[in-house]
Every structure is written in C-alpha cells, then in structure tokens.
Amino acid sequence: MAETAQQLVERIRGELQDVGERLERHPYPAAVEAASLPRERLGLFAGQQQRIISSDLRSVGQMIHRYGGGPTGQFFIDSLATEVVAYEALGAFAAALGLDRAALVAMEPLPGALAYTHFVAWLSAYGSDAEFAAAFLVNLPAWGRNCGRMARALRSGYGMTDQQVAFFDLFAADAPGYEAAALAVIQRGLERGVEPRDVQHAARLLQSYELLFWDALWEASAPRSA
C-alpha cells in the first residue's frame, strides 16, 4: 500500500532527526542566548534575511501562478501573506540595529546563507507543489524553534522590544491549520503521481540548507580569538 502524505512526512522527519539535532545545538543561536555576539554583528542576520525573504516572496508567487485557484492555490496564497508580514517585521529588527532597507540590500551576501533561498527558487520553477509544501512543512519547526530562542534572547540580553523581535515571534508561533493544509497539498500531489522520493529529496535538501544558513552566519559572525 502506498504511503499517505502523513506517513511520508513522519518518515522524512525521522530520517532527518540528526540534522534537526544539529540545528538545536547550533552555536549561533546559543551565542545570542549568551549575549556573547556583539550587537553590531546581528546585522548580518538581518541582511541575509532581507535577501532570503525578497526571493521567497517571488518563489511563493510563482507557485500561486503555477497552481492557481482551489485549495492548493490557497495554501500558497496564505504562505505569501506570511512572507509579507515577515518582510515588514524584519524592518523593525533591522531598525533596532540602526540599519535601514538600503543598508540591508547593500550588505555582502553570504553564499552559504543564501543557498536555502536559491533552492526554494529552484523548487518554485521545477519542483511540484507536493515537494514545495513538504520541504517547508518539515523545515519550519526547526526554524521556528531557533527563532523562538532568538526572540527570547534578544529581549533578555539585548533589550529589544516586542515590536523589534516580531520577526522571530512570527515564525516561533504555532500556525493553526498549517500542517493539515500542507499535508493535503502533499496528498494531492502523491495521488497525481509525484514520486515520494522527490518529496523526500526536497525536504532533506531544504533542511540541510537551513543548517548551512546558520553555519555561514556563525562563520562570519563568531568572535575571533586574538
């Protein structure tokens, strides 16, 4: 009997447990929690996210164009709305660091940090709706946990306000109905003939690029020994 979307996603989550554990132990959010990362170096996070969200807005828009109306199209419309809110909230975080949009755009891009969004763009052009939805469904909990850690640490260790950390709170919060909607997209894709291995590959790659994002940030931001 063929796997259901729920069974497939649970299997993928089990297979990626080691990557998830590495994300939970990552030194970058740990350094923010310890307030050992200088405030001015936090701007690098904002600069990379400016590029990532700007790209992801186009990528999700491409999925809306490809899949149109109906429940699948609505899933991507709702995803786009979240990206728009995130884009605006990022501006408040950047402003707390003394950075405007022009400064973020001018910031040097980190190849490792942007591999994530480049793969999302690839999915939007060449992947199926099921691959796209599964990749985000599997990845977002890990991203959300680290965003939650960052939000708490930025309040306690850097004196930021709720408005200034709203970007992190957005992703750390539960998204009622998101998992069910994503699973429905995946299930329709499987029933249409999308290969489970392609769904698994998309989720594994996006989770791995998430790890690469944090690795690149840490390499560029970590305090250097004298």
Protein backbone atom coordinates (compact mmCIF):
# COMPACT_ATOMS: atom_id res chain seq x y z
CA MET A 1 0.00 0.00 0.00
CA ALA A 2 1.31 3.45 -0.93
CA GLU A 3 2.35 5.80 1.86
CA THR A 4 -0.03 8.58 2.74
CA ALA A 5 1.27 12.13 3.00
CA GLN A 6 1.19 11.85 6.80
CA GLN A 7 3.21 8.63 6.76
CA LEU A 8 5.69 10.04 4.27
CA VAL A 9 6.26 13.21 6.28
CA GLU A 10 6.70 11.27 9.51
CA ARG A 11 9.26 9.03 7.82
CA ILE A 12 11.15 12.01 6.47
CA ARG A 13 11.17 13.65 9.89
CA GLY A 14 12.67 10.51 11.37
CA GLU A 15 15.33 10.35 8.67
CA LEU A 16 16.29 13.98 9.28
CA GLN A 17 16.42 13.77 13.07
CA ASP A 18 20.21 14.11 13.10
CA VAL A 19 20.06 17.37 11.13
CA GLY A 20 17.35 18.64 13.47
CA GLU A 21 19.52 17.89 16.48
CA ARG A 22 22.44 19.78 14.93
CA LEU A 23 20.15 22.76 14.38
CA GLU A 24 19.02 22.65 18.02
CA ARG A 25 22.66 22.60 19.20
CA HIS A 26 23.86 25.25 16.77
CA PRO A 27 26.36 27.75 18.24
CA TYR A 28 24.85 30.85 16.58
CA PRO A 29 21.54 30.99 18.50
CA ALA A 30 23.43 29.76 21.55
CA ALA A 31 25.76 32.76 21.29
CA VAL A 32 22.77 35.10 21.06
CA GLU A 33 21.28 33.43 24.13
CA ALA A 34 24.56 34.06 25.97
CA ALA A 35 24.60 37.67 24.67
CA SER A 36 28.17 37.00 23.57
CA LEU A 37 27.57 38.02 19.98
CA PRO A 38 28.23 41.76 19.60
CA ARG A 39 25.09 43.71 18.75
CA GLU A 40 26.58 45.12 15.56
CA ARG A 41 27.16 41.63 14.20
CA LEU A 42 23.46 40.81 14.42
CA GLY A 43 23.01 43.00 11.37
CA LEU A 44 24.45 40.25 9.22
CA PHE A 45 21.45 38.07 10.09
CA ALA A 46 19.09 40.86 9.02
CA GLY A 47 20.96 41.42 5.77
CA GLN A 48 20.82 37.78 4.74
CA GLN A 49 17.14 37.53 5.70
CA GLN A 50 16.37 40.61 3.60
CA ARG A 51 17.65 38.74 0.54
CA ILE A 52 16.01 35.46 1.54
CA ILE A 53 12.54 36.88 2.10
CA SER A 54 12.70 39.05 -1.01
CA SER A 55 13.49 35.94 -3.03
CA ASP A 56 10.96 33.73 -1.25
CA LEU A 57 8.19 36.25 -1.97
CA ARG A 58 8.84 35.76 -5.67
CA SER A 59 9.13 31.99 -5.29
CA VAL A 60 5.81 31.64 -3.49
CA GLY A 61 4.24 33.99 -6.02
CA GLN A 62 5.48 31.66 -8.75
CA MET A 63 3.73 28.75 -7.04
CA ILE A 64 0.49 30.74 -6.94
CA HIS A 65 0.88 31.38 -10.66
CA ARG A 66 1.53 27.71 -11.36
CA TYR A 67 -1.23 26.23 -9.20
CA GLY A 68 -3.89 28.95 -9.42
CA GLY A 69 -7.15 28.62 -7.55
CA GLY A 70 -8.53 25.86 -5.39
CA PRO A 71 -7.16 24.63 -2.08
CA THR A 72 -3.60 24.22 -3.38
CA GLY A 73 -3.51 27.77 -4.65
CA GLN A 74 -4.96 28.99 -1.35
CA PHE A 75 -2.20 27.23 0.56
CA PHE A 76 0.38 29.27 -1.35
CA ILE A 77 -1.64 32.47 -1.06
CA ASP A 78 -1.65 32.03 2.72
CA SER A 79 2.09 31.32 2.64
CA LEU A 80 2.67 34.51 0.68
CA ALA A 81 0.74 36.52 3.27
CA THR A 82 3.07 35.20 5.98
CA GLU A 83 6.13 36.18 3.94
CA VAL A 84 4.77 39.72 3.53
CA VAL A 85 4.31 40.07 7.30
CA ALA A 86 7.82 38.70 7.86
CA TYR A 87 9.29 41.22 5.40
CA GLU A 88 7.73 44.12 7.29
CA ALA A 89 8.71 42.74 10.69
CA LEU A 90 12.32 42.33 9.58
CA GLY A 91 12.48 46.07 9.03
CA ALA A 92 11.74 46.71 12.72
CA PHE A 93 14.53 44.34 13.77
CA ALA A 94 16.97 46.00 11.38
CA ALA A 95 15.96 49.46 12.62
CA ALA A 96 16.76 48.38 16.18
CA LEU A 97 20.28 47.73 14.93
CA GLY A 98 20.48 51.11 13.19
CA LEU A 99 20.01 49.65 9.70
CA ASP A 100 17.54 50.74 7.03
CA ARG A 101 16.48 48.80 3.93
CA ALA A 102 19.23 50.37 1.84
CA ALA A 103 21.85 49.18 4.32
CA LEU A 104 20.43 45.66 4.27
CA VAL A 105 20.40 45.50 0.48
CA ALA A 106 23.98 46.78 0.36
CA MET A 107 25.21 44.12 2.79
CA GLU A 108 27.52 41.49 1.35
CA PRO A 109 25.65 38.24 0.62
CA LEU A 110 26.94 35.01 2.16
CA PRO A 111 26.79 32.14 -0.36
CA GLY A 112 26.14 29.54 2.32
CA ALA A 113 23.37 31.57 3.91
CA LEU A 114 21.59 32.10 0.60
CA ALA A 115 21.77 28.51 -0.66
CA TYR A 116 18.43 27.94 1.12
CA THR A 117 16.54 30.58 -0.81
CA HIS A 118 18.22 29.62 -4.09
CA PHE A 119 16.88 26.09 -3.65
CA VAL A 120 13.42 27.46 -2.87
CA ALA A 121 13.59 29.38 -6.14
CA TRP A 122 14.55 26.15 -7.92
CA LEU A 123 11.59 24.36 -6.36
CA SER A 124 9.24 27.12 -7.47
CA ALA A 125 10.38 26.69 -11.07
CA TYR A 126 10.95 22.95 -11.33
CA GLY A 127 9.50 21.24 -8.26
CA SER A 128 5.96 20.10 -7.63
CA ASP A 129 3.52 21.59 -5.16
CA ALA A 130 3.98 18.48 -3.01
CA GLU A 131 7.77 18.89 -2.88
CA PHE A 132 7.50 22.58 -2.03
CA ALA A 133 4.90 22.04 0.69
CA ALA A 134 6.74 19.09 2.24
CA ALA A 135 10.07 20.87 2.30
CA PHE A 136 8.59 23.76 4.27
CA LEU A 137 6.44 21.56 6.49
CA VAL A 138 9.48 19.54 7.57
CA ASN A 139 11.78 22.54 7.88
CA LEU A 140 9.64 25.16 9.62
CA PRO A 141 9.60 23.56 13.10
CA ALA A 142 13.40 23.66 13.29
CA TRP A 143 13.47 27.25 12.02
CA GLY A 144 10.67 28.18 14.41
CA ARG A 145 12.46 26.74 17.45
CA ASN A 146 15.60 28.74 16.72
CA CYS A 147 13.52 31.86 16.07
CA GLY A 148 11.87 31.37 19.45
CA ARG A 149 15.27 31.12 21.12
CA MET A 150 16.42 34.26 19.31
CA ALA A 151 13.30 36.21 20.29
CA ARG A 152 13.70 35.41 23.98
CA ALA A 153 17.44 36.13 23.90
CA LEU A 154 17.08 39.43 22.05
CA ARG A 155 14.60 40.61 24.68
CA SER A 156 16.60 39.49 27.70
CA GLY A 157 20.17 40.00 26.53
CA TYR A 158 19.90 42.88 24.05
CA GLY A 159 16.96 44.83 25.46
CA MET A 160 14.79 44.62 22.36
CA THR A 161 11.05 45.24 22.41
CA ASP A 162 8.22 43.02 21.22
CA GLN A 163 7.94 45.06 18.03
CA GLN A 164 11.66 44.72 17.35
CA VAL A 165 11.60 40.92 17.69
CA ALA A 166 8.24 40.41 15.95
CA PHE A 167 10.02 38.76 13.01
CA PHE A 168 11.22 35.96 15.27
CA ASP A 169 7.93 35.67 17.14
CA LEU A 170 6.09 35.24 13.83
CA PHE A 171 7.96 32.05 12.98
CA ALA A 172 8.17 30.79 16.55
CA ALA A 173 4.38 30.88 16.99
CA ASP A 174 2.14 27.94 16.19
CA ALA A 175 0.40 28.22 12.82
CA PRO A 176 -3.04 26.66 13.30
CA GLY A 177 -4.11 24.62 10.31
CA TYR A 178 -0.77 24.88 8.50
CA GLU A 179 0.22 21.24 8.86
CA ALA A 180 -3.18 19.95 7.77
CA ALA A 181 -3.17 22.26 4.74
CA ALA A 182 0.37 21.26 3.76
CA LEU A 183 -0.42 17.55 4.14
CA ALA A 184 -3.45 17.99 1.89
CA VAL A 185 -1.25 19.56 -0.80
CA ILE A 186 1.24 16.71 -0.48
CA GLN A 187 -1.51 14.08 -0.60
CA ARG A 188 -3.00 15.54 -3.77
CA GLY A 189 0.46 15.55 -5.31
CA LEU A 190 1.08 11.90 -4.43
CA GLU A 191 -2.29 10.93 -5.86
CA ARG A 192 -1.38 12.81 -9.03
CA GLY A 193 1.82 10.79 -9.39
CA VAL A 194 4.50 12.84 -7.62
CA GLU A 195 7.24 10.44 -6.56
CA PRO A 196 7.71 10.07 -2.77
CA ARG A 197 11.48 10.06 -3.27
CA ASP A 198 11.29 13.52 -4.87
CA VAL A 199 9.33 14.78 -1.88
CA GLN A 200 11.91 13.24 0.46
CA HIS A 201 14.80 14.76 -1.50
CA ALA A 202 13.25 18.23 -1.40
CA ALA A 203 12.72 18.08 2.36
CA ARG A 204 16.21 16.74 3.02
CA LEU A 205 17.87 19.39 0.89
CA LEU A 206 15.94 22.29 2.40
CA GLN A 207 16.68 21.11 5.94
CA SER A 208 20.35 20.78 5.03
CA TYR A 209 20.40 24.27 3.52
CA GLU A 210 18.83 25.55 6.73
CA LEU A 211 21.82 24.15 8.61
CA LEU A 212 24.15 25.74 6.06
CA PHE A 213 22.45 29.10 6.67
CA TRP A 214 23.30 29.01 10.37
CA ASP A 215 26.79 27.66 9.67
CA ALA A 216 27.52 30.53 7.29
CA LEU A 217 26.23 33.10 9.77
CA TRP A 218 28.29 31.65 12.57
CA GLU A 219 31.46 31.53 10.48
CA ALA A 220 31.02 35.18 9.52
CA SER A 221 29.85 36.43 12.94
CA ALA A 222 31.69 34.44 15.60
CA PRO A 223 34.12 36.40 17.77
CA ARG A 224 37.67 35.82 16.67
CA SER A 225 40.48 34.90 19.04
CA ALA A 226 43.26 37.43 19.40
